[in-house]
Every structure is written in structure tokens, then in C-alpha cells.
């Protein structure tokens, strides 16, 4: 069966909003925030370990991952 353009959700998040009540979406957001915060913490530990051993390339990579995870955390928390 083929759907026309008006039946399809415009974004992937719209389909979730239609299927799940707001409590479930809040729980998903909370879980994502926890996951991102844990990733930031683990990468901070790895960045410190890499920086103390003198591995600047690894430290810079962990720093970039922390920036990326921070942006994702901000995007999830402001939604």
C-alpha cells in the first residue's frame, strides 16, 4: 500500500510523538541525557589520561568527542 506525501511524517520525531504518550518521550529524553552525560564523563577521564601521558592527538580527539556529545546533550535537553 502506497502512502501519499500528506500521510507521511515530516521528521522522524513526529512519528514517535504520534505513537507514544508524552511520558514515554520524556523518559527517552532522560535516558539520552544520562547516556550523553556518561559519555562526556568517560571521555573527560580519557582526555585527562591522554593529556598526562603526552598523547596530544588522542587528547584532542577526546576533546572533539566531548564537544560533539555536549552539543547532542544540549539538543536533547532543549527539545
Protein backbone atom coordinates (compact mmCIF):
# COMPACT_ATOMS: atom_id res chain seq x y z
CA UNK A 1 0.00 0.00 0.00
CA UNK A 2 1.41 3.36 -1.00
CA UNK A 3 1.18 6.49 1.10
CA UNK A 4 0.94 9.94 -0.35
CA UNK A 5 3.06 12.81 0.97
CA UNK A 6 0.38 14.13 3.33
CA UNK A 7 0.25 10.84 5.28
CA UNK A 8 3.98 10.63 5.93
CA UNK A 9 5.51 12.34 8.96
CA UNK A 10 7.80 15.22 8.10
CA UNK A 11 10.50 14.26 10.62
CA UNK A 12 11.35 11.03 12.37
CA UNK A 13 10.44 12.59 15.73
CA UNK A 14 6.89 13.26 14.53
CA UNK A 15 6.22 9.55 14.19
CA UNK A 16 7.36 8.98 17.79
CA UNK A 17 5.09 11.74 19.05
CA UNK A 18 2.13 10.17 17.30
CA UNK A 19 2.77 6.66 18.65
CA UNK A 20 3.90 7.35 22.21
CA UNK A 21 2.41 9.41 25.04
CA UNK A 22 4.45 12.38 26.35
CA UNK A 23 5.61 10.43 29.44
CA UNK A 24 7.40 7.89 27.27
CA UNK A 25 9.11 10.62 25.25
CA UNK A 26 10.26 12.32 28.45
CA UNK A 27 11.71 9.02 29.62
CA UNK A 28 13.53 8.58 26.32
CA UNK A 29 14.91 12.11 26.63
CA UNK A 30 16.01 11.44 30.21
CA UNK A 31 17.74 8.23 29.13
CA UNK A 32 19.51 10.03 26.29
CA UNK A 33 20.63 12.79 28.64
CA UNK A 34 22.03 10.19 31.02
CA UNK A 35 23.80 8.41 28.17
CA UNK A 36 25.34 11.64 26.85
CA UNK A 37 26.39 12.76 30.36
CA UNK A 38 28.05 9.38 30.95
CA UNK A 39 29.84 9.63 27.61
CA UNK A 40 31.06 13.11 28.43
CA UNK A 41 32.36 11.94 31.82
CA UNK A 42 34.16 8.91 30.38
CA UNK A 43 35.71 10.99 27.61
CA UNK A 44 36.85 13.58 30.16
CA UNK A 45 38.65 10.84 32.09
CA UNK A 46 40.21 9.55 28.88
CA UNK A 47 41.21 13.09 27.87
CA UNK A 48 42.95 13.65 31.21
CA UNK A 49 44.72 10.29 30.94
CA UNK A 50 45.86 11.03 27.39
CA UNK A 51 46.99 14.54 28.28
CA UNK A 52 49.04 13.39 31.28
CA UNK A 53 50.87 10.79 29.18
CA UNK A 54 51.67 13.34 26.49
CA UNK A 55 49.43 11.91 23.75
CA UNK A 56 48.17 15.18 22.36
CA UNK A 57 46.50 13.66 19.31
CA UNK A 58 44.41 11.33 21.47
CA UNK A 59 43.63 14.16 23.88
CA UNK A 60 42.45 16.37 21.01
CA UNK A 61 40.26 13.55 19.69
CA UNK A 62 38.66 13.02 23.10
CA UNK A 63 38.14 16.78 23.29
CA UNK A 64 36.29 16.79 19.97
CA UNK A 65 34.11 13.90 21.13
CA UNK A 66 33.29 15.83 24.31
CA UNK A 67 32.25 18.85 22.23
CA UNK A 68 30.06 16.67 20.00
CA UNK A 69 28.41 14.92 22.95
CA UNK A 70 27.85 18.26 24.66
CA UNK A 71 26.06 19.62 21.60
CA UNK A 72 23.92 16.47 21.41
CA UNK A 73 23.12 16.77 25.14
CA UNK A 74 22.11 20.40 24.64
CA UNK A 75 19.90 19.45 21.67
CA UNK A 76 18.11 16.76 23.67
CA UNK A 77 17.67 18.91 26.76
CA UNK A 78 16.20 21.93 24.93
CA UNK A 79 13.66 19.93 22.94
